[in-house]
Amino acid sequence: MKMEKSVFQGLTIIKTTKPNVVVHSISSPIEGEMSNAQLIETKSKLLLIDALQLKPHANSLKEYISSIGKPLDRVIVTHYHPDHWFGIASFKDYPIYALQEVIDRINALADFVLNYHRGIHGENADAMIPSEKITPTLAIKEGTFQFDDIEFNLMKITDTEAPCILVPEIPEHKIL
C-alpha cells in the first residue's frame, strides 16, 4: 500500500494505492465546511462517492477528476446530508445513484435545505450553493456489484447519523 498527500485548488487529496485500485480521499478546506468525497480509480474508469458541499469545491473536484484522464462512470450519494449531495450539481451530466430511501429524503427536503443554506451564505449564496435542485435519480440497492475488476459490497445502515446511509466496501482490499 502506498499513500500520498497533495493539495489541488485548495482540496486536500490523500491517495491510497493498492493493487488494481486507487482511492482518492478528498477533503474541502475548513471554509468549505470540511466535507469529504471518495474517488475510486480502477484501471479504466472512476467512481465518485459523494460530491462535497459548496460549488467552488465541487467544481475543483470536477477539475481534479478531469486531470486524472479516465472517464467518470457514475456518482453515488451515501445519504441526505447536504455535504454529501449539494456538489452533485457539478456532476449533473453523469448518472447519479443513491438508495431509494436516500433519494426520497433528499427530494422531500431539498428545497428547504437549499434555501436554508442560501440564507446562511447571504449575498455569496449564488457562488456557494447550487442554484437548482439536482438530486440522485437512479436507485441503487444494497449487495455486490462489479466495477471494472473491483467487487464492491454496498451495505445499507439505518438509524445512525442519518436514518439511512449507504456504506460502500471493497472487501478484497479491506476498504470501507
Protein backbone atom coordinates (compact mmCIF):
# COMPACT_ATOMS: atom_id res chain seq x y z
CA MET A 1 0.00 0.00 0.00
CA LYS A 2 1.25 3.46 -0.91
CA MET A 3 -0.15 6.76 0.42
CA GLU A 4 0.45 10.25 -0.96
CA LYS A 5 -0.91 13.58 0.22
CA SER A 6 -1.32 16.61 -2.06
CA VAL A 7 -3.37 19.75 -2.49
CA PHE A 8 -5.39 20.58 -5.61
CA GLN A 9 -7.08 24.01 -5.77
CA GLY A 10 -7.48 24.06 -2.01
CA LEU A 11 -8.73 20.48 -1.74
CA THR A 12 -6.65 18.05 0.30
CA ILE A 13 -6.16 14.77 -1.55
CA ILE A 14 -4.89 11.59 0.09
CA LYS A 15 -4.27 8.88 -2.49
CA THR A 16 -4.09 5.31 -1.26
CA THR A 17 -2.79 2.92 -3.90
CA LYS A 18 -3.48 -0.79 -3.69
CA PRO A 19 -3.39 -3.48 -6.39
CA ASN A 20 -5.96 -2.63 -9.11
CA VAL A 21 -7.41 0.38 -7.25
CA VAL A 22 -6.51 3.87 -6.10
CA VAL A 23 -8.71 5.58 -3.52
CA HIS A 24 -8.58 9.37 -3.61
CA SER A 25 -9.91 10.75 -0.31
CA ILE A 26 -10.78 14.38 -0.97
CA SER A 27 -11.49 16.98 1.73
CA SER A 28 -12.60 20.55 1.29
CA PRO A 29 -10.93 23.23 3.41
CA ILE A 30 -12.38 24.48 6.70
CA GLU A 31 -14.19 27.30 4.90
CA GLY A 32 -15.68 24.55 2.70
CA GLU A 33 -17.37 23.14 5.77
CA MET A 34 -14.85 20.27 5.75
CA SER A 35 -16.88 17.95 3.56
CA ASN A 36 -15.42 14.79 2.04
CA ALA A 37 -15.66 12.73 -1.12
CA GLN A 38 -14.07 9.47 -2.18
CA LEU A 39 -12.95 8.86 -5.74
CA ILE A 40 -12.36 5.24 -6.69
CA GLU A 41 -9.94 4.80 -9.59
CA THR A 42 -9.74 1.46 -11.37
CA LYS A 43 -7.68 0.57 -14.41
CA SER A 44 -10.08 2.22 -16.86
CA LYS A 45 -12.65 4.41 -15.06
CA LEU A 46 -13.66 6.39 -11.98
CA LEU A 47 -16.47 6.20 -9.44
CA LEU A 48 -17.24 9.19 -7.20
CA ILE A 49 -18.77 8.66 -3.77
CA ASP A 50 -20.34 11.91 -2.53
CA ALA A 51 -19.53 15.27 -4.10
CA LEU A 52 -18.64 17.85 -1.41
CA GLN A 53 -20.94 20.70 -0.40
CA LEU A 54 -20.02 24.10 -1.77
CA LYS A 55 -19.99 24.91 -5.50
CA PRO A 56 -16.39 26.13 -5.72
CA HIS A 57 -15.10 22.93 -4.11
CA ALA A 58 -17.33 20.65 -6.17
CA ASN A 59 -16.10 22.44 -9.31
CA SER A 60 -12.49 21.97 -8.17
CA LEU A 61 -13.27 18.30 -7.56
CA LYS A 62 -14.61 18.03 -11.11
CA GLU A 63 -11.38 19.59 -12.44
CA TYR A 64 -9.31 17.20 -10.33
CA ILE A 65 -11.25 14.25 -11.73
CA SER A 66 -10.67 15.54 -15.28
CA SER A 67 -6.93 15.80 -14.56
CA ILE A 68 -6.73 12.04 -13.93
CA GLY A 69 -7.52 11.27 -17.56
CA LYS A 70 -10.05 8.48 -17.01
CA PRO A 71 -13.81 8.77 -17.53
CA LEU A 72 -16.09 9.29 -14.57
CA ASP A 73 -18.60 6.46 -14.80
CA ARG A 74 -21.05 7.39 -12.03
CA VAL A 75 -21.64 9.25 -8.79
CA ILE A 76 -23.04 7.60 -5.67
CA VAL A 77 -24.57 9.66 -2.84
CA THR A 78 -24.39 7.94 0.53
CA HIS A 79 -27.02 9.91 2.46
CA TYR A 80 -29.16 13.04 2.54
CA HIS A 81 -26.92 15.50 4.41
CA PRO A 82 -26.05 18.44 2.12
CA ASP A 83 -22.29 17.94 2.43
CA HIS A 84 -22.83 14.69 0.51
CA TRP A 85 -25.21 15.80 -2.27
CA PHE A 86 -25.04 19.58 -2.87
CA GLY A 87 -21.95 19.09 -5.02
CA ILE A 88 -23.71 16.74 -7.43
CA ALA A 89 -24.97 19.85 -9.24
CA SER A 90 -21.45 20.00 -10.72
CA PHE A 91 -21.88 16.39 -11.92
CA LYS A 92 -25.44 16.57 -13.28
CA ASP A 93 -24.34 15.15 -16.65
CA TYR A 94 -23.34 11.84 -15.05
CA PRO A 95 -25.51 9.02 -13.69
CA ILE A 96 -26.19 9.80 -10.01
CA TYR A 97 -27.19 6.91 -7.75
CA ALA A 98 -28.42 6.55 -4.17
CA LEU A 99 -30.56 4.18 -2.16
CA GLN A 100 -34.26 4.81 -2.85
CA GLU A 101 -34.75 5.90 0.76
CA VAL A 102 -31.98 8.49 0.32
CA ILE A 103 -33.46 9.71 -2.98
CA ASP A 104 -36.87 10.10 -1.34
CA ARG A 105 -35.46 12.01 1.66
CA ILE A 106 -33.36 14.33 -0.49
CA ASN A 107 -36.35 15.06 -2.74
CA ALA A 108 -38.56 15.75 0.27
CA LEU A 109 -36.08 18.12 1.92
CA ALA A 110 -34.06 19.58 -0.98
CA ASP A 111 -35.92 22.87 -1.45
CA PHE A 112 -35.92 23.63 2.27
CA VAL A 113 -32.25 22.69 2.76
CA LEU A 114 -31.08 24.63 -0.32
CA ASN A 115 -33.00 27.75 0.78
CA TYR A 116 -31.71 27.42 4.34
CA HIS A 117 -28.10 27.25 3.15
CA ARG A 118 -28.63 30.11 0.71
CA GLY A 119 -29.74 32.14 3.74
CA ILE A 120 -26.60 31.19 5.66
CA HIS A 121 -24.37 32.36 2.79
CA GLY A 122 -26.34 35.56 2.15
CA GLU A 123 -25.00 37.63 -0.72
CA ASN A 124 -22.43 34.90 -1.50
CA ALA A 125 -25.14 32.25 -1.92
CA ASP A 126 -25.08 32.22 -5.73
CA ALA A 127 -21.35 31.49 -5.70
CA MET A 128 -21.52 28.89 -2.92
CA ILE A 129 -24.84 26.98 -3.06
CA PRO A 130 -26.33 25.21 -6.10
CA SER A 131 -28.91 27.38 -7.81
CA GLU A 132 -31.01 24.44 -8.94
CA LYS A 133 -32.19 21.29 -7.25
CA ILE A 134 -30.17 18.37 -8.63
CA THR A 135 -30.87 15.10 -6.86
CA PRO A 136 -29.92 11.46 -7.44
CA THR A 137 -32.27 9.86 -9.96
CA LEU A 138 -31.09 6.26 -10.11
CA ALA A 139 -31.84 3.85 -7.28
CA ILE A 140 -29.07 1.50 -6.20
CA LYS A 141 -29.64 -1.49 -3.97
CA GLU A 142 -27.51 -3.00 -1.28
CA GLY A 143 -25.49 -6.01 -2.31
CA THR A 144 -22.48 -6.61 -4.51
CA PHE A 145 -21.61 -5.14 -7.88
CA GLN A 146 -18.63 -5.29 -10.17
CA PHE A 147 -16.88 -2.06 -11.19
CA ASP A 148 -14.12 -2.86 -13.65
CA ASP A 149 -12.25 -5.67 -11.88
CA ILE A 150 -13.19 -4.47 -8.38
CA GLU A 151 -16.03 -6.02 -6.42
CA PHE A 152 -17.97 -3.64 -4.21
CA ASN A 153 -20.27 -4.56 -1.37
CA LEU A 154 -22.94 -1.92 -0.73
CA MET A 155 -24.42 -2.02 2.76
CA LYS A 156 -27.46 -0.13 3.99
CA ILE A 157 -27.06 1.08 7.56
CA THR A 158 -30.03 2.56 9.41
CA ASP A 159 -30.62 4.75 12.44
CA THR A 160 -27.15 6.25 12.79
CA GLU A 161 -26.05 9.75 11.75
CA ALA A 162 -28.93 9.64 9.26
CA PRO A 163 -31.99 7.40 9.01
CA CYS A 164 -30.41 5.54 6.07
CA ILE A 165 -26.79 5.52 4.86
CA LEU A 166 -25.12 3.59 2.06
CA VAL A 167 -21.71 2.26 3.10
CA PRO A 168 -19.54 1.04 0.20
CA GLU A 169 -16.91 -1.59 0.88
CA ILE A 170 -14.15 -3.08 -1.25
CA PRO A 171 -13.73 -6.39 0.63
CA GLU A 172 -10.63 -7.55 -1.30
CA HIS A 173 -8.68 -4.55 -0.04
CA LYS A 174 -10.40 -4.15 3.33
CA ILE A 175 -11.57 -0.65 2.37
CA LEU A 176 -14.76 0.69 3.89
